[in-house]
């Protein structure tokens, strides 16, 4: 379901304490909120995956499995 422009979705993120401390350090050095640094990292990861051939093959295989499962469930209703 699409979100309204300008709205956000809250997520709970659990990090190893050492990673959390390093993330906080990066944010402090850059003078930015941790949430901005995390959003930037996630945006970069998603952009990378969109052009990652291995990831796209996995996505297609996953879609094919779900289509097969849906077909089986529909066939069960007949």
PDB file of N, CA and C in Angstrom:
ATOM      1  N   UNK A   1       0.841  -1.171   0.000  1.00  0.00           N
ATOM      2  CA  UNK A   1       0.000   0.000   0.000  1.00  0.00           C
ATOM      3  C   UNK A   1       0.891   1.240   0.000  1.00  0.00           C
ATOM      4  N   UNK A   2       0.695   2.144  -0.980  1.00  0.00           N
ATOM      5  CA  UNK A   2       1.525   3.348  -1.038  1.00  0.00           C
ATOM      6  C   UNK A   2       1.287   4.255   0.165  1.00  0.00           C
ATOM      7  N   UNK A   3       2.351   4.935   0.564  1.00  0.00           N
ATOM      8  CA  UNK A   3       2.260   5.875   1.682  1.00  0.00           C
ATOM      9  C   UNK A   3       2.018   7.272   1.140  1.00  0.00           C
ATOM     10  N   UNK A   4       1.451   8.123   1.967  1.00  0.00           N
ATOM     11  CA  UNK A   4       1.231   9.516   1.593  1.00  0.00           C
ATOM     12  C   UNK A   4       2.583  10.204   1.441  1.00  0.00           C
ATOM     13  N   UNK A   5       2.710  11.111   0.461  1.00  0.00           N
ATOM     14  CA  UNK A   5       3.969  11.854   0.327  1.00  0.00           C
ATOM     15  C   UNK A   5       4.309  12.574   1.633  1.00  0.00           C
ATOM     16  N   UNK A   6       5.564  12.510   2.002  1.00  0.00           N
ATOM     17  CA  UNK A   6       6.020  13.175   3.216  1.00  0.00           C
ATOM     18  C   UNK A   6       5.819  12.376   4.484  1.00  0.00           C
ATOM     19  N   UNK A   7       5.150  11.229   4.391  1.00  0.00           N
ATOM     20  CA  UNK A   7       4.952  10.415   5.591  1.00  0.00           C
ATOM     21  C   UNK A   7       6.150   9.473   5.767  1.00  0.00           C
ATOM     22  N   UNK A   8       6.259   8.927   6.943  1.00  0.00           N
ATOM     23  CA  UNK A   8       7.343   7.986   7.218  1.00  0.00           C
ATOM     24  C   UNK A   8       6.772   6.748   7.880  1.00  0.00           C
ATOM     25  N   UNK A   9       7.575   5.713   7.903  1.00  0.00           N
ATOM     26  CA  UNK A   9       7.207   4.479   8.579  1.00  0.00           C
ATOM     27  C   UNK A   9       8.274   4.201   9.628  1.00  0.00           C
ATOM     28  N   UNK A  10       7.846   3.955  10.842  1.00  0.00           N
ATOM     29  CA  UNK A  10       8.775   3.656  11.926  1.00  0.00           C
ATOM     30  C   UNK A  10       9.164   2.185  11.876  1.00  0.00           C
ATOM     31  N   UNK A  11      10.449   1.923  12.029  1.00  0.00           N
ATOM     32  CA  UNK A  11      10.976   0.569  12.083  1.00  0.00           C
ATOM     33  C   UNK A  11      11.847   0.424  13.324  1.00  0.00           C
ATOM     34  N   UNK A  12      11.847  -0.763  13.878  1.00  0.00           N
ATOM     35  CA  UNK A  12      12.726  -1.063  15.000  1.00  0.00           C
ATOM     36  C   UNK A  12      13.969  -1.729  14.428  1.00  0.00           C
ATOM     37  N   UNK A  13      15.127  -1.239  14.766  1.00  0.00           N
ATOM     38  CA  UNK A  13      16.386  -1.762  14.250  1.00  0.00           C
ATOM     39  C   UNK A  13      17.250  -2.201  15.420  1.00  0.00           C
ATOM     40  N   UNK A  14      17.627  -3.451  15.430  1.00  0.00           N
ATOM     41  CA  UNK A  14      18.503  -3.968  16.490  1.00  0.00           C
ATOM     42  C   UNK A  14      19.911  -4.124  15.910  1.00  0.00           C
ATOM     43  N   UNK A  15      20.868  -3.532  16.590  1.00  0.00           N
ATOM     44  CA  UNK A  15      22.253  -3.574  16.132  1.00  0.00           C
ATOM     45  C   UNK A  15      23.146  -4.122  17.232  1.00  0.00           C
ATOM     46  N   UNK A  16      24.203  -4.763  16.807  1.00  0.00           N
ATOM     47  CA  UNK A  16      25.263  -5.154  17.718  1.00  0.00           C
ATOM     48  C   UNK A  16      25.758  -3.869  18.392  1.00  0.00           C
ATOM     49  N   UNK A  17      26.025  -3.898  19.691  1.00  0.00           N
ATOM     50  CA  UNK A  17      26.459  -2.675  20.381  1.00  0.00           C
ATOM     51  C   UNK A  17      27.661  -1.993  19.740  1.00  0.00           C
ATOM     52  N   UNK A  18      28.610  -2.775  19.266  1.00  0.00           N
ATOM     53  CA  UNK A  18      29.789  -2.177  18.632  1.00  0.00           C
ATOM     54  C   UNK A  18      29.430  -1.452  17.346  1.00  0.00           C
ATOM     55  N   UNK A  19      28.559  -2.045  16.547  1.00  0.00           N
ATOM     56  CA  UNK A  19      28.121  -1.402  15.311  1.00  0.00           C
ATOM     57  C   UNK A  19      27.306  -0.148  15.627  1.00  0.00           C
ATOM     58  N   UNK A  20      26.460  -0.219  16.627  1.00  0.00           N
ATOM     59  CA  UNK A  20      25.658   0.943  17.029  1.00  0.00           C
ATOM     60  C   UNK A  20      26.567   2.097  17.458  1.00  0.00           C
ATOM     61  N   UNK A  21      27.617   1.768  18.179  1.00  0.00           N
ATOM     62  CA  UNK A  21      28.554   2.808  18.623  1.00  0.00           C
ATOM     63  C   UNK A  21      29.277   3.436  17.435  1.00  0.00           C
ATOM     64  N   UNK A  22      29.692   2.615  16.472  1.00  0.00           N
ATOM     65  CA  UNK A  22      30.366   3.144  15.281  1.00  0.00           C
ATOM     66  C   UNK A  22      29.406   3.999  14.454  1.00  0.00           C
ATOM     67  N   UNK A  23      28.155   3.565  14.351  1.00  0.00           N
ATOM     68  CA  UNK A  23      27.147   4.349  13.635  1.00  0.00           C
ATOM     69  C   UNK A  23      26.952   5.707  14.310  1.00  0.00           C
ATOM     70  N   UNK A  24      26.837   5.702  15.615  1.00  0.00           N
ATOM     71  CA  UNK A  24      26.684   6.951  16.373  1.00  0.00           C
ATOM     72  C   UNK A  24      27.889   7.860  16.142  1.00  0.00           C
ATOM     73  N   UNK A  25      29.080   7.287  16.092  1.00  0.00           N
ATOM     74  CA  UNK A  25      30.291   8.076  15.864  1.00  0.00           C
ATOM     75  C   UNK A  25      30.255   8.735  14.495  1.00  0.00           C
ATOM     76  N   UNK A  26      29.867   7.974  13.467  1.00  0.00           N
ATOM     77  CA  UNK A  26      29.768   8.527  12.115  1.00  0.00           C
ATOM     78  C   UNK A  26      28.786   9.700  12.112  1.00  0.00           C
ATOM     79  N   UNK A  27      27.626   9.505  12.714  1.00  0.00           N
ATOM     80  CA  UNK A  27      26.611  10.558  12.750  1.00  0.00           C
ATOM     81  C   UNK A  27      27.131  11.797  13.479  1.00  0.00           C
ATOM     82  N   UNK A  28      27.796  11.595  14.611  1.00  0.00           N
ATOM     83  CA  UNK A  28      28.322  12.728  15.384  1.00  0.00           C
ATOM     84  C   UNK A  28      29.380  13.488  14.594  1.00  0.00           C
ATOM     85  N   UNK A  29      30.304  12.761  13.963  1.00  0.00           N
ATOM     86  CA  UNK A  29      31.370  13.409  13.194  1.00  0.00           C
ATOM     87  C   UNK A  29      30.782  14.228  12.043  1.00  0.00           C
ATOM     88  N   UNK A  30      29.733  13.688  11.405  1.00  0.00           N
ATOM     89  CA  UNK A  30      29.115  14.380  10.279  1.00  0.00           C
ATOM     90  C   UNK A  30      28.075  15.415  10.723  1.00  0.00           C
ATOM     91  N   UNK A  31      27.787  15.455  12.019  1.00  0.00           N
ATOM     92  CA  UNK A  31      26.806  16.416  12.512  1.00  0.00           C
ATOM     93  C   UNK A  31      25.397  16.127  12.009  1.00  0.00           C
ATOM     94  N   UNK A  32      25.077  14.849  11.904  1.00  0.00           N
ATOM     95  CA  UNK A  32      23.779  14.428  11.372  1.00  0.00           C
ATOM     96  C   UNK A  32      23.091  13.497  12.353  1.00  0.00           C
ATOM     97  N   UNK A  33      21.770  13.413  12.279  1.00  0.00           N
ATOM     98  CA  UNK A  33      21.068  12.417  13.090  1.00  0.00           C
ATOM     99  C   UNK A  33      21.397  11.002  12.605  1.00  0.00           C
ATOM    100  N   UNK A  34      21.410  10.074  13.531  1.00  0.00           N
ATOM    101  CA  UNK A  34      21.655   8.673  13.177  1.00  0.00           C
ATOM    102  C   UNK A  34      20.650   8.209  12.128  1.00  0.00           C
ATOM    103  N   UNK A  35      19.401   8.622  12.265  1.00  0.00           N
ATOM    104  CA  UNK A  35      18.376   8.179  11.315  1.00  0.00           C
ATOM    105  C   UNK A  35      18.705   8.618   9.893  1.00  0.00           C
ATOM    106  N   UNK A  36      19.303   9.789   9.715  1.00  0.00           N
ATOM    107  CA  UNK A  36      19.697  10.232   8.373  1.00  0.00           C
ATOM    108  C   UNK A  36      20.805   9.352   7.803  1.00  0.00           C
ATOM    109  N   UNK A  37      21.771   9.011   8.648  1.00  0.00           N
ATOM    110  CA  UNK A  37      22.874   8.147   8.199  1.00  0.00           C
ATOM    111  C   UNK A  37      22.333   6.774   7.814  1.00  0.00           C
ATOM    112  N   UNK A  38      21.423   6.242   8.600  1.00  0.00           N
ATOM    113  CA  UNK A  38      20.828   4.929   8.310  1.00  0.00           C
ATOM    114  C   UNK A  38      20.023   4.994   7.013  1.00  0.00           C
ATOM    115  N   UNK A  39      19.218   6.041   6.838  1.00  0.00           N
ATOM    116  CA  UNK A  39      18.434   6.179   5.596  1.00  0.00           C
ATOM    117  C   UNK A  39      19.345   6.225   4.381  1.00  0.00           C
ATOM    118  N   UNK A  40      20.444   6.959   4.487  1.00  0.00           N
ATOM    119  CA  UNK A  40      21.396   7.046   3.381  1.00  0.00           C
ATOM    120  C   UNK A  40      21.979   5.676   3.047  1.00  0.00           C
ATOM    121  N   UNK A  41      22.353   4.926   4.074  1.00  0.00           N
ATOM    122  CA  UNK A  41      22.932   3.597   3.862  1.00  0.00           C
ATOM    123  C   UNK A  41      21.921   2.651   3.218  1.00  0.00           C
ATOM    124  N   UNK A  42      20.679   2.705   3.670  1.00  0.00           N
ATOM    125  CA  UNK A  42      19.640   1.838   3.116  1.00  0.00           C
ATOM    126  C   UNK A  42      19.342   2.227   1.670  1.00  0.00           C
ATOM    127  N   UNK A  43      19.277   3.518   1.389  1.00  0.00           N
ATOM    128  CA  UNK A  43      19.040   3.981   0.017  1.00  0.00           C
ATOM    129  C   UNK A  43      20.143   3.488  -0.910  1.00  0.00           C
ATOM    130  N   UNK A  44      21.380   3.570  -0.460  1.00  0.00           N
ATOM    131  CA  UNK A  44      22.515   3.095  -1.255  1.00  0.00           C
ATOM    132  C   UNK A  44      22.415   1.591  -1.501  1.00  0.00           C
ATOM    133  N   UNK A  45      22.077   0.823  -0.476  1.00  0.00           N
ATOM    134  CA  UNK A  45      21.946  -0.628  -0.626  1.00  0.00           C
ATOM    135  C   UNK A  45      20.858  -0.984  -1.630  1.00  0.00           C
ATOM    136  N   UNK A  46      19.706  -0.343  -1.525  1.00  0.00           N
ATOM    137  CA  UNK A  46      18.599  -0.641  -2.438  1.00  0.00           C
ATOM    138  C   UNK A  46      18.996  -0.297  -3.878  1.00  0.00           C
ATOM    139  N   UNK A  47      19.649   0.839  -4.083  1.00  0.00           N
ATOM    140  CA  UNK A  47      20.103   1.207  -5.432  1.00  0.00           C
ATOM    141  C   UNK A  47      21.075   0.165  -5.980  1.00  0.00           C
ATOM    142  N   UNK A  48      21.988  -0.314  -5.142  1.00  0.00           N
ATOM    143  CA  UNK A  48      22.941  -1.336  -5.571  1.00  0.00           C
ATOM    144  C   UNK A  48      22.224  -2.619  -5.962  1.00  0.00           C
ATOM    145  N   UNK A  49      21.256  -3.045  -5.167  1.00  0.00           N
ATOM    146  CA  UNK A  49      20.541  -4.292  -5.442  1.00  0.00           C
ATOM    147  C   UNK A  49      19.750  -4.220  -6.742  1.00  0.00           C
ATOM    148  N   UNK A  50      19.231  -3.023  -7.075  1.00  0.00           N
ATOM    149  CA  UNK A  50      18.432  -2.881  -8.293  1.00  0.00           C
ATOM    150  C   UNK A  50      19.241  -3.175  -9.543  1.00  0.00           C
ATOM    151  N   UNK A  51      20.556  -3.071  -9.471  1.00  0.00           N
ATOM    152  CA  UNK A  51      21.398  -3.366 -10.638  1.00  0.00           C
ATOM    153  C   UNK A  51      22.277  -4.597 -10.414  1.00  0.00           C
ATOM    154  N   UNK A  52      22.048  -5.336  -9.353  1.00  0.00           N
ATOM    155  CA  UNK A  52      22.823  -6.529  -9.011  1.00  0.00           C
ATOM    156  C   UNK A  52      22.175  -7.751  -9.679  1.00  0.00           C
ATOM    157  N   UNK A  53      22.856  -8.315 -10.667  1.00  0.00           N
ATOM    158  CA  UNK A  53      22.278  -9.424 -11.436  1.00  0.00           C
ATOM    159  C   UNK A  53      21.971 -10.639 -10.567  1.00  0.00           C
ATOM    160  N   UNK A  54      22.821 -10.938  -9.613  1.00  0.00           N
ATOM    161  CA  UNK A  54      22.564 -12.083  -8.725  1.00  0.00           C
ATOM    162  C   UNK A  54      21.301 -11.847  -7.910  1.00  0.00           C
ATOM    163  N   UNK A  55      21.152 -10.649  -7.354  1.00  0.00           N
ATOM    164  CA  UNK A  55      19.962 -10.321  -6.573  1.00  0.00           C
ATOM    165  C   UNK A  55      18.707 -10.412  -7.444  1.00  0.00           C
ATOM    166  N   UNK A  56      18.773  -9.883  -8.662  1.00  0.00           N
ATOM    167  CA  UNK A  56      17.609  -9.920  -9.546  1.00  0.00           C
ATOM    168  C   UNK A  56      17.230 -11.356  -9.910  1.00  0.00           C
ATOM    169  N   UNK A  57      18.227 -12.233 -10.075  1.00  0.00           N
ATOM    170  CA  UNK A  57      17.920 -13.656 -10.323  1.00  0.00           C
ATOM    171  C   UNK A  57      17.226 -14.276  -9.120  1.00  0.00           C
ATOM    172  N   UNK A  58      17.701 -13.957  -7.920  1.00  0.00           N
ATOM    173  CA  UNK A  58      17.055 -14.462  -6.700  1.00  0.00           C
ATOM    174  C   UNK A  58      15.622 -13.945  -6.585  1.00  0.00           C
ATOM    175  N   UNK A  59      15.417 -12.690  -6.934  1.00  0.00           N
ATOM    176  CA  UNK A  59      14.077 -12.105  -6.898  1.00  0.00           C
ATOM    177  C   UNK A  59      13.151 -12.817  -7.875  1.00  0.00           C
ATOM    178  N   UNK A  60      13.637 -13.070  -9.071  1.00  0.00           N
ATOM    179  CA  UNK A  60      12.827 -13.773 -10.060  1.00  0.00           C
ATOM    180  C   UNK A  60      12.504 -15.192  -9.606  1.00  0.00           C
ATOM    181  N   UNK A  61      13.476 -15.880  -9.019  1.00  0.00           N
ATOM    182  CA  UNK A  61      13.238 -17.244  -8.523  1.00  0.00           C
ATOM    183  C   UNK A  61      12.217 -17.220  -7.395  1.00  0.00           C
ATOM    184  N   UNK A  62      12.311 -16.230  -6.535  1.00  0.00           N
ATOM    185  CA  UNK A  62      11.364 -16.092  -5.434  1.00  0.00           C
ATOM    186  C   UNK A  62       9.960 -15.844  -5.979  1.00  0.00           C
ATOM    187  N   UNK A  63       9.854 -14.983  -6.968  1.00  0.00           N
ATOM    188  CA  UNK A  63       8.563 -14.698  -7.590  1.00  0.00           C
ATOM    189  C   UNK A  63       7.981 -15.962  -8.209  1.00  0.00           C
ATOM    190  N   UNK A  64       8.816 -16.741  -8.889  1.00  0.00           N
ATOM    191  CA  UNK A  64       8.343 -17.982  -9.512  1.00  0.00           C
ATOM    192  C   UNK A  64       7.814 -18.952  -8.456  1.00  0.00           C
ATOM    193  N   UNK A  65       8.497 -19.054  -7.317  1.00  0.00           N
ATOM    194  CA  UNK A  65       8.031 -19.945  -6.236  1.00  0.00           C
ATOM    195  C   UNK A  65       6.690 -19.476  -5.686  1.00  0.00           C
ATOM    196  N   UNK A  66       6.527 -18.179  -5.524  1.00  0.00           N
ATOM    197  CA  UNK A  66       5.260 -17.656  -5.019  1.00  0.00           C
ATOM    198  C   UNK A  66       4.130 -17.846  -6.027  1.00  0.00           C
ATOM    199  N   UNK A  67       4.431 -17.688  -7.299  1.00  0.00           N
ATOM    200  CA  UNK A  67       3.408 -17.919  -8.316  1.00  0.00           C
ATOM    201  C   UNK A  67       2.965 -19.375  -8.296  1.00  0.00           C
ATOM    202  N   UNK A  68       3.903 -20.287  -8.132  1.00  0.00           N
ATOM    203  CA  UNK A  68       3.579 -21.715  -8.059  1.00  0.00           C
ATOM    204  C   UNK A  68       2.729 -22.003  -6.820  1.00  0.00           C
ATOM    205  N   UNK A  69       3.079 -21.410  -5.689  1.00  0.00           N
ATOM    206  CA  UNK A  69       2.315 -21.616  -4.463  1.00  0.00           C
ATOM    207  C   UNK A  69       0.892 -21.083  -4.627  1.00  0.00           C
ATOM    208  N   UNK A  70       0.758 -19.936  -5.259  1.00  0.00           N
ATOM    209  CA  UNK A  70      -0.568 -19.363  -5.490  1.00  0.00           C
ATOM    210  C   UNK A  70      -1.392 -20.276  -6.392  1.00  0.00           C
ATOM    211  N   UNK A  71      -0.770 -20.822  -7.413  1.00  0.00           N
ATOM    212  CA  UNK A  71      -1.469 -21.748  -8.311  1.00  0.00           C
ATOM    213  C   UNK A  71      -1.948 -22.978  -7.537  1.00  0.00           C
ATOM    214  N   UNK A  72      -1.090 -23.516  -6.678  1.00  0.00           N
ATOM    215  CA  UNK A  72      -1.469 -24.689  -5.895  1.00  0.00           C
ATOM    216  C   UNK A  72      -2.641 -24.372  -4.961  1.00  0.00           C
ATOM    217  N   UNK A  73      -2.604 -23.214  -4.340  1.00  0.00           N
ATOM    218  CA  UNK A  73      -3.694 -22.828  -3.443  1.00  0.00           C
ATOM    219  C   UNK A  73      -5.002 -22.634  -4.210  1.00  0.00           C
ATOM    220  N   UNK A  74      -4.911 -22.053  -5.371  1.00  0.00           N
ATOM    221  CA  UNK A  74      -6.112 -21.866  -6.186  1.00  0.00           C
ATOM    222  C   UNK A  74      -6.653 -23.211  -6.651  1.00  0.00           C
ATOM    223  N   UNK A  75      -5.757 -24.108  -7.043  1.00  0.00           N
ATOM    224  CA  UNK A  75      -6.183 -25.441  -7.499  1.00  0.00           C
ATOM    225  C   UNK A  75      -6.885 -26.199  -6.380  1.00  0.00           C
ATOM    226  N   UNK A  76      -6.468 -25.970  -5.124  1.00  0.00           N
ATOM    227  CA  UNK A  76      -7.085 -26.638  -3.983  1.00  0.00           C
ATOM    228  C   UNK A  76      -8.540 -26.231  -3.791  1.00  0.00           C
ATOM    229  N   UNK A  77      -8.903 -25.058  -4.278  1.00  0.00           N
ATOM    230  CA  UNK A  77     -10.265 -24.568  -4.105  1.00  0.00           C
ATOM    231  C   UNK A  77     -11.229 -25.181  -5.113  1.00  0.00           C
ATOM    232  N   UNK A  78     -10.737 -25.800  -6.127  1.00  0.00           N
ATOM    233  CA  UNK A  78     -11.611 -26.378  -7.160  1.00  0.00           C
ATOM    234  C   UNK A  78     -12.062 -27.770  -6.834  1.00  0.00           C
TER     235      UNK A  78
END
